[in-house]
ModelCIF file with pLDDT and N, C-alpha, C, O atoms, coordinates in Angstrom:
data_MODEL
#
_entry.id   MODEL 
#
_entity.id                         1 
_entity.type                       polymer 
_entity.pdbx_number_of_molecules   1 
#
_entity_poly.entity_id                      1 
_entity_poly.type                           'polypeptide(L)' 
_entity_poly.nstd_linkage                   no 
_entity_poly.nstd_monomer                   no 
_entity_poly.pdbx_seq_one_letter_code       EGNIVEGIWYQKQFQNWDGSPDLWPVRIPATIKPGLYVIRHEIL 
_entity_poly.pdbx_seq_one_letter_code_can   EGNIVEGIWYQKQFQNWDGSPDLWPVRIPATIKPGLYVIRHEIL 
_entity_poly.pdbx_strand_id                 A 
#
loop_
_entity_poly_seq.entity_id 
_entity_poly_seq.num 
_entity_poly_seq.mon_id 
_entity_poly_seq.hetero 
1 1  GLU n 
1 2  GLY n 
1 3  ASN n 
1 4  ILE n 
1 5  VAL n 
1 6  GLU n 
1 7  GLY n 
1 8  ILE n 
1 9  TRP n 
1 10 TYR n 
1 11 GLN n 
1 12 LYS n 
1 13 GLN n 
1 14 PHE n 
1 15 GLN n 
1 16 ASN n 
1 17 TRP n 
1 18 ASP n 
1 19 GLY n 
1 20 SER n 
1 21 PRO n 
1 22 ASP n 
1 23 LEU n 
1 24 TRP n 
1 25 PRO n 
1 26 VAL n 
1 27 ARG n 
1 28 ILE n 
1 29 PRO n 
1 30 ALA n 
1 31 THR n 
1 32 ILE n 
1 33 LYS n 
1 34 PRO n 
1 35 GLY n 
1 36 LEU n 
1 37 TYR n 
1 38 VAL n 
1 39 ILE n 
1 40 ARG n 
1 41 HIS n 
1 42 GLU n 
1 43 ILE n 
1 44 LEU n 
#
_struct_asym.id          A 
_struct_asym.entity_id   1 
#
loop_
_ma_qa_metric.id 
_ma_qa_metric.mode 
_ma_qa_metric.name 
_ma_qa_metric.software_group_id 
_ma_qa_metric.type 
1 global pLDDT . pLDDT 
2 local  pLDDT . pLDDT 
#
_ma_qa_metric_global.metric_id      1 
_ma_qa_metric_global.metric_value   95.95 
_ma_qa_metric_global.model_id       1 
_ma_qa_metric_global.ordinal_id     1 
#
loop_
_ma_qa_metric_local.label_asym_id 
_ma_qa_metric_local.label_comp_id 
_ma_qa_metric_local.label_seq_id 
_ma_qa_metric_local.metric_id 
_ma_qa_metric_local.metric_value 
_ma_qa_metric_local.model_id 
_ma_qa_metric_local.ordinal_id 
A GLU 1  2 97.00 1 1  
A GLY 2  2 97.00 1 2  
A ASN 3  2 97.00 1 3  
A ILE 4  2 96.00 1 4  
A VAL 5  2 96.00 1 5  
A GLU 6  2 95.00 1 6  
A GLY 7  2 96.00 1 7  
A ILE 8  2 97.00 1 8  
A TRP 9  2 97.00 1 9  
A TYR 10 2 97.00 1 10 
A GLN 11 2 95.00 1 11 
A LYS 12 2 95.00 1 12 
A GLN 13 2 95.00 1 13 
A PHE 14 2 95.00 1 14 
A GLN 15 2 94.00 1 15 
A ASN 16 2 92.00 1 16 
A TRP 17 2 90.00 1 17 
A ASP 18 2 91.00 1 18 
A GLY 19 2 88.00 1 19 
A SER 20 2 93.00 1 20 
A PRO 21 2 94.00 1 21 
A ASP 22 2 96.00 1 22 
A LEU 23 2 97.00 1 23 
A TRP 24 2 97.00 1 24 
A PRO 25 2 97.00 1 25 
A VAL 26 2 97.00 1 26 
A ARG 27 2 97.00 1 27 
A ILE 28 2 97.00 1 28 
A PRO 29 2 96.00 1 29 
A ALA 30 2 95.00 1 30 
A THR 31 2 96.00 1 31 
A ILE 32 2 97.00 1 32 
A LYS 33 2 96.00 1 33 
A PRO 34 2 98.00 1 34 
A GLY 35 2 98.00 1 35 
A LEU 36 2 98.00 1 36 
A TYR 37 2 98.00 1 37 
A VAL 38 2 98.00 1 38 
A ILE 39 2 98.00 1 39 
A ARG 40 2 98.00 1 40 
A HIS 41 2 98.00 1 41 
A GLU 42 2 98.00 1 42 
A ILE 43 2 98.00 1 43 
A LEU 44 2 97.00 1 44 
#
loop_
_atom_site.group_PDB 
_atom_site.id 
_atom_site.type_symbol 
_atom_site.label_atom_id 
_atom_site.label_alt_id 
_atom_site.label_comp_id 
_atom_site.label_asym_id 
_atom_site.label_entity_id 
_atom_site.label_seq_id 
_atom_site.pdbx_PDB_ins_code 
_atom_site.Cartn_x 
_atom_site.Cartn_y 
_atom_site.Cartn_z 
_atom_site.occupancy 
_atom_site.B_iso_or_equiv 
_atom_site.pdbx_formal_charge 
_atom_site.auth_seq_id 
_atom_site.auth_comp_id 
_atom_site.auth_asym_id 
_atom_site.auth_atom_id 
_atom_site.pdbx_PDB_model_num 
ATOM 1   N N  . GLU A 1 1  ? 0.842  -1.197  0.000  1.00 97.00 ? 1  GLU A N  1 
ATOM 2   C CA . GLU A 1 1  ? 0.000  0.000   0.000  1.00 97.00 ? 1  GLU A CA 1 
ATOM 3   C C  . GLU A 1 1  ? 0.870  1.237   0.000  1.00 97.00 ? 1  GLU A C  1 
ATOM 4   O O  . GLU A 1 1  ? 2.017  1.198   0.443  1.00 97.00 ? 1  GLU A O  1 
ATOM 5   N N  . GLY A 1 2  ? 0.319  2.350   -0.503 1.00 97.00 ? 2  GLY A N  1 
ATOM 6   C CA . GLY A 1 2  ? 1.037  3.609   -0.515 1.00 97.00 ? 2  GLY A CA 1 
ATOM 7   C C  . GLY A 1 2  ? 2.054  3.691   -1.633 1.00 97.00 ? 2  GLY A C  1 
ATOM 8   O O  . GLY A 1 2  ? 2.053  2.879   -2.558 1.00 97.00 ? 2  GLY A O  1 
ATOM 9   N N  . ASN A 1 3  ? 2.930  4.692   -1.531 1.00 97.00 ? 3  ASN A N  1 
ATOM 10  C CA . ASN A 1 3  ? 3.942  4.865   -2.574 1.00 97.00 ? 3  ASN A CA 1 
ATOM 11  C C  . ASN A 1 3  ? 5.217  4.120   -2.230 1.00 97.00 ? 3  ASN A C  1 
ATOM 12  O O  . ASN A 1 3  ? 5.361  3.581   -1.132 1.00 97.00 ? 3  ASN A O  1 
ATOM 13  N N  . ILE A 1 4  ? 6.128  4.096   -3.168 1.00 96.00 ? 4  ILE A N  1 
ATOM 14  C CA . ILE A 1 4  ? 7.309  3.237   -3.065 1.00 96.00 ? 4  ILE A CA 1 
ATOM 15  C C  . ILE A 1 4  ? 8.172  3.556   -1.849 1.00 96.00 ? 4  ILE A C  1 
ATOM 16  O O  . ILE A 1 4  ? 8.706  2.642   -1.220 1.00 96.00 ? 4  ILE A O  1 
ATOM 17  N N  . VAL A 1 5  ? 8.321  4.846   -1.502 1.00 96.00 ? 5  VAL A N  1 
ATOM 18  C CA . VAL A 1 5  ? 9.205  5.223   -0.405 1.00 96.00 ? 5  VAL A CA 1 
ATOM 19  C C  . VAL A 1 5  ? 8.476  5.263   0.937  1.00 96.00 ? 5  VAL A C  1 
ATOM 20  O O  . VAL A 1 5  ? 9.011  4.795   1.942  1.00 96.00 ? 5  VAL A O  1 
ATOM 21  N N  . GLU A 1 6  ? 7.287  5.803   0.964  1.00 95.00 ? 6  GLU A N  1 
ATOM 22  C CA . GLU A 1 6  ? 6.585  5.995   2.233  1.00 95.00 ? 6  GLU A CA 1 
ATOM 23  C C  . GLU A 1 6  ? 5.549  4.913   2.511  1.00 95.00 ? 6  GLU A C  1 
ATOM 24  O O  . GLU A 1 6  ? 4.977  4.875   3.600  1.00 95.00 ? 6  GLU A O  1 
ATOM 25  N N  . GLY A 1 7  ? 5.302  4.048   1.560  1.00 96.00 ? 7  GLY A N  1 
ATOM 26  C CA . GLY A 1 7  ? 4.295  3.017   1.711  1.00 96.00 ? 7  GLY A CA 1 
ATOM 27  C C  . GLY A 1 7  ? 4.800  1.801   2.471  1.00 96.00 ? 7  GLY A C  1 
ATOM 28  O O  . GLY A 1 7  ? 5.907  1.803   3.009  1.00 96.00 ? 7  GLY A O  1 
ATOM 29  N N  . ILE A 1 8  ? 3.974  0.764   2.505  1.00 97.00 ? 8  ILE A N  1 
ATOM 30  C CA . ILE A 1 8  ? 4.295  -0.454  3.237  1.00 97.00 ? 8  ILE A CA 1 
ATOM 31  C C  . ILE A 1 8  ? 4.594  -1.580  2.259  1.00 97.00 ? 8  ILE A C  1 
ATOM 32  O O  . ILE A 1 8  ? 3.765  -1.931  1.419  1.00 97.00 ? 8  ILE A O  1 
ATOM 33  N N  . TRP A 1 9  ? 5.780  -2.134  2.380  1.00 97.00 ? 9  TRP A N  1 
ATOM 34  C CA . TRP A 1 9  ? 6.177  -3.322  1.636  1.00 97.00 ? 9  TRP A CA 1 
ATOM 35  C C  . TRP A 1 9  ? 6.009  -4.540  2.541  1.00 97.00 ? 9  TRP A C  1 
ATOM 36  O O  . TRP A 1 9  ? 6.097  -4.438  3.764  1.00 97.00 ? 9  TRP A O  1 
ATOM 37  N N  . TYR A 1 10 ? 5.766  -5.691  1.917  1.00 97.00 ? 10 TYR A N  1 
ATOM 38  C CA . TYR A 1 10 ? 5.701  -6.927  2.719  1.00 97.00 ? 10 TYR A CA 1 
ATOM 39  C C  . TYR A 1 10 ? 7.022  -7.151  3.440  1.00 97.00 ? 10 TYR A C  1 
ATOM 40  O O  . TYR A 1 10 ? 7.041  -7.669  4.557  1.00 97.00 ? 10 TYR A O  1 
ATOM 41  N N  . GLN A 1 11 ? 8.120  -6.766  2.814  1.00 95.00 ? 11 GLN A N  1 
ATOM 42  C CA . GLN A 1 11 ? 9.449  -6.931  3.414  1.00 95.00 ? 11 GLN A CA 1 
ATOM 43  C C  . GLN A 1 11 ? 9.556  -6.209  4.752  1.00 95.00 ? 11 GLN A C  1 
ATOM 44  O O  . GLN A 1 11 ? 10.269 -6.659  5.650  1.00 95.00 ? 11 GLN A O  1 
ATOM 45  N N  . LYS A 1 12 ? 8.851  -5.093  4.884  1.00 95.00 ? 12 LYS A N  1 
ATOM 46  C CA . LYS A 1 12 ? 8.828  -4.375  6.158  1.00 95.00 ? 12 LYS A CA 1 
ATOM 47  C C  . LYS A 1 12 ? 7.763  -4.949  7.086  1.00 95.00 ? 12 LYS A C  1 
ATOM 48  O O  . LYS A 1 12 ? 7.964  -5.030  8.297  1.00 95.00 ? 12 LYS A O  1 
ATOM 49  N N  . GLN A 1 13 ? 6.642  -5.342  6.517  1.00 95.00 ? 13 GLN A N  1 
ATOM 50  C CA . GLN A 1 13 ? 5.525  -5.811  7.324  1.00 95.00 ? 13 GLN A CA 1 
ATOM 51  C C  . GLN A 1 13 ? 5.852  -7.095  8.084  1.00 95.00 ? 13 GLN A C  1 
ATOM 52  O O  . GLN A 1 13 ? 5.355  -7.308  9.190  1.00 95.00 ? 13 GLN A O  1 
ATOM 53  N N  . PHE A 1 14 ? 6.702  -7.964  7.480  1.00 95.00 ? 14 PHE A N  1 
ATOM 54  C CA . PHE A 1 14 ? 6.970  -9.237  8.144  1.00 95.00 ? 14 PHE A CA 1 
ATOM 55  C C  . PHE A 1 14 ? 8.015  -9.124  9.260  1.00 95.00 ? 14 PHE A C  1 
ATOM 56  O O  . PHE A 1 14 ? 8.300  -10.106 9.945  1.00 95.00 ? 14 PHE A O  1 
ATOM 57  N N  . GLN A 1 15 ? 8.578  -7.945  9.442  1.00 94.00 ? 15 GLN A N  1 
ATOM 58  C CA . GLN A 1 15 ? 9.569  -7.749  10.488 1.00 94.00 ? 15 GLN A CA 1 
ATOM 59  C C  . GLN A 1 15 ? 8.908  -7.614  11.859 1.00 94.00 ? 15 GLN A C  1 
ATOM 60  O O  . GLN A 1 15 ? 7.841  -7.015  11.991 1.00 94.00 ? 15 GLN A O  1 
ATOM 61  N N  . ASN A 1 16 ? 9.556  -8.177  12.870 1.00 92.00 ? 16 ASN A N  1 
ATOM 62  C CA . ASN A 1 16 ? 9.139  -8.006  14.264 1.00 92.00 ? 16 ASN A CA 1 
ATOM 63  C C  . ASN A 1 16 ? 10.235 -7.273  15.023 1.00 92.00 ? 16 ASN A C  1 
ATOM 64  O O  . ASN A 1 16 ? 11.423 -7.511  14.804 1.00 92.00 ? 16 ASN A O  1 
ATOM 65  N N  . TRP A 1 17 ? 9.833  -6.398  15.900 1.00 90.00 ? 17 TRP A N  1 
ATOM 66  C CA . TRP A 1 17 ? 10.801 -5.619  16.667 1.00 90.00 ? 17 TRP A CA 1 
ATOM 67  C C  . TRP A 1 17 ? 10.600 -5.826  18.167 1.00 90.00 ? 17 TRP A C  1 
ATOM 68  O O  . TRP A 1 17 ? 10.942 -4.964  18.977 1.00 90.00 ? 17 TRP A O  1 
ATOM 69  N N  . ASP A 1 18 ? 10.035 -6.995  18.525 1.00 91.00 ? 18 ASP A N  1 
ATOM 70  C CA . ASP A 1 18 ? 9.806  -7.307  19.932 1.00 91.00 ? 18 ASP A CA 1 
ATOM 71  C C  . ASP A 1 18 ? 10.724 -8.420  20.431 1.00 91.00 ? 18 ASP A C  1 
ATOM 72  O O  . ASP A 1 18 ? 10.518 -8.978  21.509 1.00 91.00 ? 18 ASP A O  1 
ATOM 73  N N  . GLY A 1 19 ? 11.728 -8.728  19.636 1.00 88.00 ? 19 GLY A N  1 
ATOM 74  C CA . GLY A 1 19 ? 12.651 -9.790  20.019 1.00 88.00 ? 19 GLY A CA 1 
ATOM 75  C C  . GLY A 1 19 ? 12.286 -11.156 19.477 1.00 88.00 ? 19 GLY A C  1 
ATOM 76  O O  . GLY A 1 19 ? 13.084 -12.088 19.574 1.00 88.00 ? 19 GLY A O  1 
ATOM 77  N N  . SER A 1 20 ? 11.104 -11.295 18.910 1.00 93.00 ? 20 SER A N  1 
ATOM 78  C CA . SER A 1 20 ? 10.696 -12.566 18.326 1.00 93.00 ? 20 SER A CA 1 
ATOM 79  C C  . SER A 1 20 ? 11.182 -12.661 16.890 1.00 93.00 ? 20 SER A C  1 
ATOM 80  O O  . SER A 1 20 ? 11.420 -11.631 16.259 1.00 93.00 ? 20 SER A O  1 
ATOM 81  N N  . PRO A 1 21 ? 11.337 -13.868 16.354 1.00 94.00 ? 21 PRO A N  1 
ATOM 82  C CA . PRO A 1 21 ? 11.844 -14.006 14.987 1.00 94.00 ? 21 PRO A CA 1 
ATOM 83  C C  . PRO A 1 21 ? 10.828 -13.531 13.955 1.00 94.00 ? 21 PRO A C  1 
ATOM 84  O O  . PRO A 1 21 ? 9.631  -13.455 14.231 1.00 94.00 ? 21 PRO A O  1 
ATOM 85  N N  . ASP A 1 22 ? 11.319 -13.216 12.775 1.00 96.00 ? 22 ASP A N  1 
ATOM 86  C CA . ASP A 1 22 ? 10.467 -12.843 11.650 1.00 96.00 ? 22 ASP A CA 1 
ATOM 87  C C  . ASP A 1 22 ? 10.054 -14.120 10.926 1.00 96.00 ? 22 ASP A C  1 
ATOM 88  O O  . ASP A 1 22 ? 10.904 -14.930 10.553 1.00 96.00 ? 22 ASP A O  1 
ATOM 89  N N  . LEU A 1 23 ? 8.759  -14.298 10.729 1.00 97.00 ? 23 LEU A N  1 
ATOM 90  C CA . LEU A 1 23 ? 8.215  -15.534 10.177 1.00 97.00 ? 23 LEU A CA 1 
ATOM 91  C C  . LEU A 1 23 ? 7.594  -15.277 8.816  1.00 97.00 ? 23 LEU A C  1 
ATOM 92  O O  . LEU A 1 23 ? 6.855  -14.310 8.632  1.00 97.00 ? 23 LEU A O  1 
ATOM 93  N N  . TRP A 1 24 ? 7.904  -16.157 7.858  1.00 97.00 ? 24 TRP A N  1 
ATOM 94  C CA . TRP A 1 24 ? 7.464  -16.006 6.474  1.00 97.00 ? 24 TRP A CA 1 
ATOM 95  C C  . TRP A 1 24 ? 6.756  -17.296 6.059  1.00 97.00 ? 24 TRP A C  1 
ATOM 96  O O  . TRP A 1 24 ? 7.403  -18.217 5.561  1.00 97.00 ? 24 TRP A O  1 
ATOM 97  N N  . PRO A 1 25 ? 5.438  -17.377 6.255  1.00 97.00 ? 25 PRO A N  1 
ATOM 98  C CA . PRO A 1 25 ? 4.711  -18.603 5.919  1.00 97.00 ? 25 PRO A CA 1 
ATOM 99  C C  . PRO A 1 25 ? 4.271  -18.640 4.462  1.00 97.00 ? 25 PRO A C  1 
ATOM 100 O O  . PRO A 1 25 ? 3.840  -17.630 3.905  1.00 97.00 ? 25 PRO A O  1 
ATOM 101 N N  . VAL A 1 26 ? 4.382  -19.804 3.861  1.00 97.00 ? 26 VAL A N  1 
ATOM 102 C CA . VAL A 1 26 ? 3.973  -20.017 2.469  1.00 97.00 ? 26 VAL A CA 1 
ATOM 103 C C  . VAL A 1 26 ? 3.345  -21.399 2.359  1.00 97.00 ? 26 VAL A C  1 
ATOM 104 O O  . VAL A 1 26 ? 3.796  -22.351 2.998  1.00 97.00 ? 26 VAL A O  1 
ATOM 105 N N  . ARG A 1 27 ? 2.312  -21.498 1.553  1.00 97.00 ? 27 ARG A N  1 
ATOM 106 C CA . ARG A 1 27 ? 1.629  -22.786 1.387  1.00 97.00 ? 27 ARG A CA 1 
ATOM 107 C C  . ARG A 1 27 ? 2.136  -23.505 0.128  1.00 97.00 ? 27 ARG A C  1 
ATOM 108 O O  . ARG A 1 27 ? 2.230  -22.914 -0.948 1.00 97.00 ? 27 ARG A O  1 
ATOM 109 N N  . ILE A 1 28 ? 2.456  -24.782 0.293  1.00 97.00 ? 28 ILE A N  1 
ATOM 110 C CA . ILE A 1 28 ? 2.821  -25.613 -0.851 1.00 97.00 ? 28 ILE A CA 1 
ATOM 111 C C  . ILE A 1 28 ? 1.555  -25.892 -1.664 1.00 97.00 ? 28 ILE A C  1 
ATOM 112 O O  . ILE A 1 28 ? 0.542  -26.295 -1.092 1.00 97.00 ? 28 ILE A O  1 
ATOM 113 N N  . PRO A 1 29 ? 1.589  -25.687 -2.975 1.00 96.00 ? 29 PRO A N  1 
ATOM 114 C CA . PRO A 1 29 ? 0.374  -25.895 -3.779 1.00 96.00 ? 29 PRO A CA 1 
ATOM 115 C C  . PRO A 1 29 ? -0.237 -27.277 -3.556 1.00 96.00 ? 29 PRO A C  1 
ATOM 116 O O  . PRO A 1 29 ? 0.456  -28.293 -3.611 1.00 96.00 ? 29 PRO A O  1 
ATOM 117 N N  . ALA A 1 30 ? -1.527 -27.296 -3.306 1.00 95.00 ? 30 ALA A N  1 
ATOM 118 C CA . ALA A 1 30 ? -2.209 -28.548 -2.974 1.00 95.00 ? 30 ALA A CA 1 
ATOM 119 C C  . ALA A 1 30 ? -2.270 -29.508 -4.150 1.00 95.00 ? 30 ALA A C  1 
ATOM 120 O O  . ALA A 1 30 ? -2.400 -30.718 -3.968 1.00 95.00 ? 30 ALA A O  1 
ATOM 121 N N  . THR A 1 31 ? -2.176 -28.962 -5.360 1.00 96.00 ? 31 THR A N  1 
ATOM 122 C CA . THR A 1 31 ? -2.345 -29.785 -6.560 1.00 96.00 ? 31 THR A CA 1 
ATOM 123 C C  . THR A 1 31 ? -1.040 -30.319 -7.124 1.00 96.00 ? 31 THR A C  1 
ATOM 124 O O  . THR A 1 31 ? -1.055 -31.076 -8.095 1.00 96.00 ? 31 THR A O  1 
ATOM 125 N N  . ILE A 1 32 ? 0.089  -29.940 -6.534 1.00 97.00 ? 32 ILE A N  1 
ATOM 126 C CA . ILE A 1 32 ? 1.393  -30.261 -7.123 1.00 97.00 ? 32 ILE A CA 1 
ATOM 127 C C  . ILE A 1 32 ? 1.655  -31.766 -7.090 1.00 97.00 ? 32 ILE A C  1 
ATOM 128 O O  . ILE A 1 32 ? 1.196  -32.469 -6.190 1.00 97.00 ? 32 ILE A O  1 
ATOM 129 N N  . LYS A 1 33 ? 2.388  -32.238 -8.067 1.00 96.00 ? 33 LYS A N  1 
ATOM 130 C CA . LYS A 1 33 ? 2.738  -33.664 -8.080 1.00 96.00 ? 33 LYS A CA 1 
ATOM 131 C C  . LYS A 1 33 ? 3.782  -33.934 -7.002 1.00 96.00 ? 33 LYS A C  1 
ATOM 132 O O  . LYS A 1 33 ? 4.570  -33.046 -6.677 1.00 96.00 ? 33 LYS A O  1 
ATOM 133 N N  . PRO A 1 34 ? 3.801  -35.128 -6.447 1.00 98.00 ? 34 PRO A N  1 
ATOM 134 C CA . PRO A 1 34 ? 4.776  -35.449 -5.401 1.00 98.00 ? 34 PRO A CA 1 
ATOM 135 C C  . PRO A 1 34 ? 6.191  -35.522 -5.973 1.00 98.00 ? 34 PRO A C  1 
ATOM 136 O O  . PRO A 1 34 ? 6.388  -35.693 -7.176 1.00 98.00 ? 34 PRO A O  1 
ATOM 137 N N  . GLY A 1 35 ? 7.162  -35.389 -5.082 1.00 98.00 ? 35 GLY A N  1 
ATOM 138 C CA . GLY A 1 35 ? 8.538  -35.524 -5.525 1.00 98.00 ? 35 GLY A CA 1 
ATOM 139 C C  . GLY A 1 35 ? 9.512  -34.761 -4.645 1.00 98.00 ? 35 GLY A C  1 
ATOM 140 O O  . GLY A 1 35 ? 9.147  -34.213 -3.605 1.00 98.00 ? 35 GLY A O  1 
ATOM 141 N N  . LEU A 1 36 ? 10.752 -34.742 -5.085 1.00 98.00 ? 36 LEU A N  1 
ATOM 142 C CA . LEU A 1 36 ? 11.831 -34.042 -4.398 1.00 98.00 ? 36 LEU A CA 1 
ATOM 143 C C  . LEU A 1 36 ? 12.016 -32.674 -5.050 1.00 98.00 ? 36 LEU A C  1 
ATOM 144 O O  . LEU A 1 36 ? 12.164 -32.564 -6.267 1.00 98.00 ? 36 LEU A O  1 
ATOM 145 N N  . TYR A 1 37 ? 12.004 -31.646 -4.221 1.00 98.00 ? 37 TYR A N  1 
ATOM 146 C CA . TYR A 1 37 ? 12.041 -30.271 -4.712 1.00 98.00 ? 37 TYR A CA 1 
ATOM 147 C C  . TYR A 1 37 ? 13.056 -29.437 -3.948 1.00 98.00 ? 37 TYR A C  1 
ATOM 148 O O  . TYR A 1 37 ? 13.340 -29.698 -2.778 1.00 98.00 ? 37 TYR A O  1 
ATOM 149 N N  . VAL A 1 38 ? 13.599 -28.430 -4.624 1.00 98.00 ? 38 VAL A N  1 
ATOM 150 C CA . VAL A 1 38 ? 14.312 -27.342 -3.956 1.00 98.00 ? 38 VAL A CA 1 
ATOM 151 C C  . VAL A 1 38 ? 13.304 -26.228 -3.726 1.00 98.00 ? 38 VAL A C  1 
ATOM 152 O O  . VAL A 1 38 ? 12.590 -25.829 -4.646 1.00 98.00 ? 38 VAL A O  1 
ATOM 153 N N  . ILE A 1 39 ? 13.246 -25.724 -2.492 1.00 98.00 ? 39 ILE A N  1 
ATOM 154 C CA . ILE A 1 39 ? 12.475 -24.519 -2.219 1.00 98.00 ? 39 ILE A CA 1 
ATOM 155 C C  . ILE A 1 39 ? 13.448 -23.360 -2.070 1.00 98.00 ? 39 ILE A C  1 
ATOM 156 O O  . ILE A 1 39 ? 14.432 -23.449 -1.337 1.00 98.00 ? 39 ILE A O  1 
ATOM 157 N N  . ARG A 1 40 ? 13.163 -22.283 -2.767 1.00 98.00 ? 40 ARG A N  1 
ATOM 158 C CA . ARG A 1 40 ? 14.063 -21.128 -2.819 1.00 98.00 ? 40 ARG A CA 1 
ATOM 159 C C  . ARG A 1 40 ? 13.320 -19.888 -2.324 1.00 98.00 ? 40 ARG A C  1 
ATOM 160 O O  . ARG A 1 40 ? 12.315 -19.485 -2.910 1.00 98.00 ? 40 ARG A O  1 
ATOM 161 N N  . HIS A 1 41 ? 13.818 -19.287 -1.245 1.00 98.00 ? 41 HIS A N  1 
ATOM 162 C CA . HIS A 1 41 ? 13.293 -18.019 -0.750 1.00 98.00 ? 41 HIS A CA 1 
ATOM 163 C C  . HIS A 1 41 ? 14.216 -16.893 -1.222 1.00 98.00 ? 41 HIS A C  1 
ATOM 164 O O  . HIS A 1 41 ? 15.436 -16.983 -1.092 1.00 98.00 ? 41 HIS A O  1 
ATOM 165 N N  . GLU A 1 42 ? 13.632 -15.855 -1.759 1.00 98.00 ? 42 GLU A N  1 
ATOM 166 C CA . GLU A 1 42 ? 14.429 -14.723 -2.246 1.00 98.00 ? 42 GLU A CA 1 
ATOM 167 C C  . GLU A 1 42 ? 13.880 -13.418 -1.702 1.00 98.00 ? 42 GLU A C  1 
ATOM 168 O O  . GLU A 1 42 ? 12.687 -13.137 -1.811 1.00 98.00 ? 42 GLU A O  1 
ATOM 169 N N  . ILE A 1 43 ? 14.762 -12.627 -1.118 1.00 98.00 ? 43 ILE A N  1 
ATOM 170 C CA . ILE A 1 43 ? 14.453 -11.239 -0.778 1.00 98.00 ? 43 ILE A CA 1 
ATOM 171 C C  . ILE A 1 43 ? 15.318 -10.356 -1.667 1.00 98.00 ? 43 ILE A C  1 
ATOM 172 O O  . ILE A 1 43 ? 16.536 -10.524 -1.727 1.00 98.00 ? 43 ILE A O  1 
ATOM 173 N N  . LEU A 1 44 ? 14.684 -9.421  -2.350 1.00 97.00 ? 44 LEU A N  1 
ATOM 174 C CA . LEU A 1 44 ? 15.392 -8.430  -3.165 1.00 97.00 ? 44 LEU A CA 1 
ATOM 175 C C  . LEU A 1 44 ? 15.224 -7.078  -2.474 1.00 97.00 ? 44 LEU A C  1 
ATOM 176 O O  . LEU A 1 44 ? 15.731 -6.068  -2.963 1.00 97.00 ? 44 LEU A O  1 
#
């Protein structure tokens, strides 16, 4: 929401400043075929 500089990015929203860790939950697609996968998290 908002503009690029003064608005809110998810990268800022997921941060905690109370001493608890920052948590980034993601759901594995329910329809995906089974198998061995690499999961890659990227922050730019």
